[in-house]
Structure formats: C-alpha cells, structure tokens
N, C-alpha and C. Protein backbone atom coordinates (compact mmCIF):
# COMPACT_ATOMS: atom_id res chain seq x y z
N MET A 1 0.74 -1.29 0.00
CA MET A 1 0.13 -0.08 -0.08
C MET A 1 0.89 1.17 -0.14
N ASP A 2 0.86 1.89 -1.16
CA ASP A 2 1.49 3.21 -0.88
C ASP A 2 1.31 4.38 -0.12
N LEU A 3 1.39 4.36 1.41
CA LEU A 3 0.64 6.03 2.09
C LEU A 3 1.37 7.11 1.54
N GLU A 4 2.51 7.04 1.07
CA GLU A 4 3.18 8.00 1.05
C GLU A 4 2.49 8.70 -0.17
N THR A 5 1.79 7.98 -1.01
CA THR A 5 0.91 8.99 -2.32
C THR A 5 -0.27 9.13 -2.20
N MET A 6 -1.05 8.21 -1.30
CA MET A 6 -1.95 8.53 -0.41
C MET A 6 -1.94 10.03 0.56
N ARG A 7 -0.99 10.16 1.16
CA ARG A 7 -1.03 10.84 2.33
C ARG A 7 -0.35 12.32 1.38
N ALA A 8 0.24 12.60 0.18
CA ALA A 8 0.36 13.46 -0.55
C ALA A 8 -1.15 14.06 -1.46
N VAL A 9 -1.69 13.17 -1.72
CA VAL A 9 -3.19 13.44 -2.36
C VAL A 9 -3.91 14.26 -1.36
N ALA A 10 -3.83 13.42 -0.13
CA ALA A 10 -4.84 14.23 0.97
C ALA A 10 -4.15 15.73 1.48
N ASP A 11 -3.38 15.31 1.76
CA ASP A 11 -2.01 16.79 2.30
C ASP A 11 -2.56 18.05 1.11
N ARG A 12 -2.35 17.70 -0.25
CA ARG A 12 -2.74 18.71 -1.38
C ARG A 12 -4.20 19.13 -1.35
N LEU A 13 -4.92 18.24 -0.83
CA LEU A 13 -6.38 18.86 -1.09
C LEU A 13 -6.52 19.55 0.21
N LEU A 14 -5.63 19.35 1.53
CA LEU A 14 -6.14 20.08 2.45
C LEU A 14 -5.26 21.54 2.50
N ALA A 15 -4.58 21.89 1.40
CA ALA A 15 -3.63 22.71 1.45
C ALA A 15 -4.42 23.90 0.56
N LEU A 16 -5.56 23.21 -0.31
CA LEU A 16 -6.68 24.11 -1.15
C LEU A 16 -6.92 25.39 -0.46
N GLU A 17 -7.27 26.42 -0.80
CA GLU A 17 -7.75 27.53 -0.60
C GLU A 17 -8.57 27.81 -1.74
N GLU A 18 -8.64 27.56 -3.16
CA GLU A 18 -10.37 27.70 -3.28
C GLU A 18 -10.34 25.98 -4.36
N ALA A 19 -11.58 25.96 -4.57
CA ALA A 19 -11.83 24.88 -5.10
C ALA A 19 -11.23 24.71 -7.06
N PRO A 20 -10.58 23.34 -6.86
CA PRO A 20 -10.42 23.66 -8.87
C PRO A 20 -11.68 23.02 -9.38
N SER A 21 -11.40 22.52 -10.62
CA SER A 21 -13.02 22.34 -11.29
C SER A 21 -13.93 21.06 -11.04
N THR A 22 -15.39 21.46 -10.74
CA THR A 22 -15.72 20.12 -10.56
C THR A 22 -15.43 18.97 -11.08
N ASP A 23 -14.92 18.81 -12.03
CA ASP A 23 -14.52 17.48 -12.55
C ASP A 23 -13.07 16.80 -12.09
N ASP A 24 -12.39 17.62 -12.09
CA ASP A 24 -11.10 17.14 -10.91
C ASP A 24 -11.94 16.92 -9.54
N LEU A 25 -12.29 18.04 -9.07
CA LEU A 25 -12.78 17.37 -7.13
C LEU A 25 -13.76 16.19 -7.61
N LEU A 26 -14.43 15.93 -8.53
CA LEU A 26 -14.76 14.64 -8.43
C LEU A 26 -14.02 13.47 -8.71
N THR A 27 -12.92 13.28 -9.71
CA THR A 27 -11.99 12.62 -9.62
C THR A 27 -11.55 12.53 -8.08
N LEU A 28 -10.91 13.55 -7.70
CA LEU A 28 -10.11 13.56 -6.34
C LEU A 28 -10.94 12.89 -5.26
N VAL A 29 -12.20 12.90 -5.15
CA VAL A 29 -13.52 12.32 -4.02
C VAL A 29 -12.80 10.70 -4.50
N MET A 30 -13.45 10.28 -5.64
CA MET A 30 -13.19 8.61 -6.07
C MET A 30 -12.00 8.24 -5.95
N MET A 31 -11.00 8.68 -5.73
CA MET A 31 -9.41 8.91 -5.22
C MET A 31 -9.33 8.65 -3.83
N LEU A 32 -10.13 9.31 -3.20
CA LEU A 32 -9.69 9.45 -1.68
C LEU A 32 -10.64 8.29 -1.27
N ARG A 33 -11.81 8.14 -1.70
CA ARG A 33 -12.92 6.98 -1.23
C ARG A 33 -12.10 5.64 -1.55
N GLY A 34 -11.49 5.52 -3.03
CA GLY A 34 -10.62 4.26 -2.89
C GLY A 34 -9.48 4.13 -2.22
N PHE A 35 -8.79 5.21 -1.89
CA PHE A 35 -7.66 4.79 -0.76
C PHE A 35 -8.43 4.46 0.87
N LEU A 36 -9.50 5.46 1.05
CA LEU A 36 -10.51 4.42 1.72
C LEU A 36 -11.16 3.37 2.55
N ALA A 37 -11.42 2.73 1.12
CA ALA A 37 -11.62 1.09 0.83
C ALA A 37 -10.49 0.30 0.65
N LEU A 38 -9.28 0.78 0.77
CA LEU A 38 -7.81 -0.02 0.76
C LEU A 38 -7.68 -0.25 2.22
N LEU A 39 -7.85 1.09 2.90
CA LEU A 39 -7.23 1.21 4.32
C LEU A 39 -7.96 0.95 5.27
N ILE A 40 -9.24 0.87 5.19
CA ILE A 40 -10.02 0.24 6.18
C ILE A 40 -9.95 -1.10 6.43
N PRO A 41 -9.83 -1.74 5.43
CA PRO A 41 -9.92 -3.33 6.29
C PRO A 41 -8.10 -3.61 6.80
N GLU A 42 -7.71 -2.83 6.17
CA GLU A 42 -6.37 -3.06 6.99
C GLU A 42 -6.40 -2.77 7.89
N VAL A 43 -6.57 -1.82 8.54
CA VAL A 43 -6.29 -1.36 9.92
C VAL A 43 -6.97 -1.72 10.68
N ARG A 44 -8.36 -2.25 10.08
CA ARG A 44 -9.27 -3.53 11.40
C ARG A 44 -8.69 -4.09 11.41
N ALA A 45 -8.05 -4.66 11.00
CA ALA A 45 -7.27 -6.12 10.65
C ALA A 45 -6.29 -6.15 11.75
N LEU A 46 -5.21 -5.16 11.29
CA LEU A 46 -4.14 -4.80 12.66
C LEU A 46 -5.06 -4.90 14.05
N ALA A 47 -5.68 -3.88 13.75
CA ALA A 47 -6.55 -3.85 15.28
C ALA A 47 -7.09 -4.69 15.82
N ALA A 48 -7.71 -5.76 15.37
CA ALA A 48 -8.30 -6.67 15.49
C ALA A 48 -7.40 -7.42 16.40
N GLY A 49 -6.07 -7.36 15.93
CA GLY A 49 -5.17 -8.14 16.51
C GLY A 49 -4.71 -7.90 18.31
N ARG A 50 -5.63 -6.37 18.33
CA ARG A 50 -4.09 -5.94 19.74
C ARG A 50 -5.06 -6.52 20.66
N PRO A 51 -5.16 -5.95 21.68
CA PRO A 51 -5.59 -6.48 22.99
C PRO A 51 -7.12 -5.49 23.16
N VAL A 52 -8.06 -6.17 23.74
CA VAL A 52 -9.39 -5.31 23.88
C VAL A 52 -9.39 -3.72 24.42
N ASP A 53 -8.23 -3.71 25.19
CA ASP A 53 -7.98 -2.88 26.08
C ASP A 53 -7.10 -1.60 25.65
N ASP A 54 -6.58 -2.66 24.59
CA ASP A 54 -5.74 -1.23 23.86
C ASP A 54 -5.89 -0.21 23.11
N VAL A 55 -4.99 1.07 23.63
CA VAL A 55 -5.34 2.29 22.88
C VAL A 55 -5.51 2.46 21.60
N TRP A 56 -4.06 1.73 20.93
CA TRP A 56 -4.28 1.90 19.31
C TRP A 56 -5.26 1.49 18.91
N ARG A 57 -5.55 0.46 19.58
CA ARG A 57 -7.10 -0.79 18.68
C ARG A 57 -8.79 0.52 18.97
N ALA A 58 -8.43 1.52 20.05
CA ALA A 58 -9.68 2.03 20.47
C ALA A 58 -9.76 2.87 19.35
N ALA A 59 -8.51 3.61 19.22
CA ALA A 59 -8.23 5.05 18.52
C ALA A 59 -8.51 4.71 17.00
N ALA A 60 -7.62 3.66 16.61
CA ALA A 60 -8.10 2.99 15.24
C ALA A 60 -9.76 3.17 14.69
N GLN A 61 -10.07 1.73 15.74
CA GLN A 61 -11.59 2.25 15.63
C GLN A 61 -12.29 2.60 15.41
N ALA A 62 -11.80 3.90 16.06
CA ALA A 62 -12.64 5.54 16.47
C ALA A 62 -12.75 6.17 14.80
N GLY A 63 -11.43 5.96 14.51
CA GLY A 63 -10.88 6.31 13.04
C GLY A 63 -11.65 5.76 11.79
N ILE A 64 -11.87 4.28 11.93
CA ILE A 64 -12.86 3.82 11.11
C ILE A 64 -13.93 3.99 10.98
N GLY A 65 -14.40 4.45 11.88
CA GLY A 65 -16.14 4.87 12.82
C GLY A 65 -16.47 6.19 11.71
N GLU A 66 -15.80 6.90 12.32
CA GLU A 66 -15.51 8.37 11.12
C GLU A 66 -15.14 8.09 9.62
N ALA A 67 -14.66 7.45 9.13
CA ALA A 67 -14.22 7.53 7.61
C ALA A 67 -15.31 6.53 7.18
N ARG A 68 -15.93 5.61 8.21
CA ARG A 68 -17.25 5.17 7.26
C ARG A 68 -18.56 6.14 7.39
N ARG A 69 -17.76 6.66 8.48
CA ARG A 69 -19.48 7.97 8.19
C ARG A 69 -19.29 8.63 6.86
N ARG A 70 -17.97 9.42 7.19
CA ARG A 70 -17.29 10.28 5.78
C ARG A 70 -17.86 9.63 4.40
N LEU A 71 -18.31 8.51 4.38
CA LEU A 71 -18.00 7.35 3.30
C LEU A 71 -19.69 7.37 3.10
N ASN A 72 -20.06 7.35 3.77
CA ASN A 72 -21.61 7.59 3.62
C ASN A 72 -22.59 9.11 3.21
N HIS A 73 -21.96 9.82 3.59
CA HIS A 73 -21.89 11.38 3.59
C HIS A 73 -22.00 11.67 1.91
N THR A 74 -22.50 11.78 1.43
CA THR A 74 -22.38 12.40 -0.32
C THR A 74 -23.23 13.68 -0.24
N THR A 75 -22.95 14.24 -1.19
CA THR A 75 -22.88 16.13 -1.14
C THR A 75 -23.22 15.97 -2.75
N GLY A 76 -23.46 17.56 -2.74
CA GLY A 76 -24.05 18.18 -4.04
C GLY A 76 -23.02 18.21 -4.96
N HIS A 77 -22.97 18.43 -6.24
CA HIS A 77 -21.75 18.70 -7.01
C HIS A 77 -21.30 20.14 -7.61
N ARG A 78 -21.62 20.75 -6.33
CA ARG A 78 -20.89 22.42 -6.41
C ARG A 78 -19.34 22.05 -6.11
N ALA A 79 -18.78 23.04 -6.23
CA ALA A 79 -17.52 23.10 -6.58
C ALA A 79 -16.83 23.09 -5.26
N PRO A 80 -17.76 24.18 -4.26
CA PRO A 80 -17.21 24.61 -3.09
C PRO A 80 -17.45 23.22 -2.18
N VAL A 81 -18.75 22.81 -2.39
CA VAL A 81 -19.36 22.02 -1.75
C VAL A 81 -18.90 20.38 -1.72
N LEU A 82 -17.83 19.72 -2.91
CA LEU A 82 -17.44 18.97 -3.37
C LEU A 82 -15.80 18.94 -2.66
N LEU A 83 -15.03 20.07 -2.69
CA LEU A 83 -13.56 20.51 -1.91
C LEU A 83 -14.06 20.78 -0.33
N ALA A 84 -15.15 20.60 0.29
CA ALA A 84 -15.36 20.62 1.70
C ALA A 84 -15.71 18.88 1.52
N GLU A 85 -16.37 18.24 1.38
CA GLU A 85 -16.13 16.82 0.87
C GLU A 85 -14.62 15.90 0.89
N ALA A 86 -13.89 16.61 -0.02
CA ALA A 86 -12.69 15.70 -0.58
C ALA A 86 -11.84 15.72 0.63
N GLN A 87 -11.88 17.00 1.73
CA GLN A 87 -11.11 18.32 2.97
C GLN A 87 -11.58 16.91 4.03
N ARG A 88 -12.97 16.66 3.91
CA ARG A 88 -13.13 15.95 5.13
C ARG A 88 -12.61 14.25 4.70
N LEU A 89 -12.64 13.63 3.54
CA LEU A 89 -12.36 12.75 3.53
C LEU A 89 -10.81 12.62 3.46
N SER A 90 -9.99 13.81 3.47
CA SER A 90 -8.52 13.67 3.34
C SER A 90 -8.32 13.51 4.85
N ARG A 91 -8.93 13.82 5.65
CA ARG A 91 -8.74 13.78 6.98
C ARG A 91 -8.51 12.18 7.48
N SER A 92 -9.47 12.08 7.14
CA SER A 92 -9.75 10.15 7.29
C SER A 92 -8.71 9.43 6.79
N VAL A 93 -8.02 10.11 5.42
CA VAL A 93 -7.17 9.15 4.89
C VAL A 93 -5.73 9.03 5.88
N LEU A 94 -6.12 10.61 6.11
CA LEU A 94 -4.37 11.02 6.28
C LEU A 94 -4.49 10.19 8.39
N ALA A 95 -5.74 10.33 8.93
CA ALA A 95 -5.81 9.48 10.14
C ALA A 95 -5.54 8.09 10.30
N LEU A 96 -6.10 7.39 8.93
CA LEU A 96 -5.93 5.98 8.83
C LEU A 96 -4.80 5.21 8.23
N CYS A 97 -3.82 6.19 7.87
CA CYS A 97 -2.52 6.01 7.40
C CYS A 97 -1.52 6.07 8.78
N THR A 98 -1.98 6.63 9.67
CA THR A 98 -1.04 7.14 10.94
C THR A 98 -1.79 6.07 11.71
N TYR A 99 -2.91 5.64 11.82
CA TYR A 99 -3.44 4.23 12.28
C TYR A 99 -2.14 3.25 12.07
N LEU A 100 -2.52 3.19 10.66
CA LEU A 100 -2.01 1.61 9.89
C LEU A 100 -0.21 1.50 10.58
N GLU A 101 0.36 3.00 10.19
CA GLU A 101 1.49 2.87 10.47
C GLU A 101 2.05 2.60 12.26
N ASN A 102 0.90 3.15 12.82
CA ASN A 102 1.58 2.80 14.03
C ASN A 102 0.84 1.64 14.80
N LEU A 103 -0.08 0.73 14.48
CA LEU A 103 -0.44 -0.36 14.65
C LEU A 103 0.71 -1.35 13.78
N GLU A 104 1.28 -1.14 12.70
CA GLU A 104 2.30 -1.94 12.02
C GLU A 104 3.72 -1.78 13.25
N ALA A 105 3.67 -0.88 13.84
CA ALA A 105 4.77 -0.70 14.54
C ALA A 105 4.64 -1.45 16.02
N CYS A 106 3.60 -1.35 16.47
CA CYS A 106 3.58 -2.02 17.49
C CYS A 106 3.37 -3.47 17.45
N GLY A 107 3.57 -3.72 16.69
CA GLY A 107 3.36 -5.27 16.37
C GLY A 107 4.84 -6.09 15.75
N GLU A 108 5.95 -4.74 15.88
CA GLU A 108 7.13 -5.06 15.56
C GLU A 108 7.88 -5.91 16.80
C-alpha cells in the first residue's frame, strides 16, 4: 500500500484555498474513497489483533467509524461543497495512514 502517495494527495487537498474544477474534484473524491476502501480493512485487521483494552486499537476503531460515516455522507456537485467533502475524506485518509503505521510499529 502506497501510504506516501495517499498522504500526498490528502495533504494537497487540505492545502487548497480555492476549489479546482468540479470534474477534478469528483476525480479526487473518488480517489480518496478508493484509498479509504483499501485502508479500512487493513487498519481493522491490525486493530483486531491488539488487546481489547489497547489504546491504539480503540483509536483505530474510532478512526474507522469516522471514515465510514464520511464515506456514507454524500454532498452536492458544486465545487465548494465537493471541496469540503474531499477535505473531510482527506482527514480520514491521513488518520488511517497514521493508525496503520502505529499499529504496524506495535506489532514489531
């Protein structure tokens, strides 16, 4: 899994002050949704291997829940609204990348 690319896309979107074209935003939203579709099962599997009272497990599960809520929330197709959606998805991508790295480090 290319966490570096996922982080770069998410960071770039969070840094935007003006919305790109609607078509570009739709493409980015779909890309971020794809990243989350890859990250969620990986993070879930690593978290499941941790003790029930483990802080990393709890944090990862909360991040997964938030990512799923964001995936289930759809917005309109106007550029400013799409930018806000893309930025919310970006925050979930960044969080799950961090949880994945932390959970992997705990297993070493």
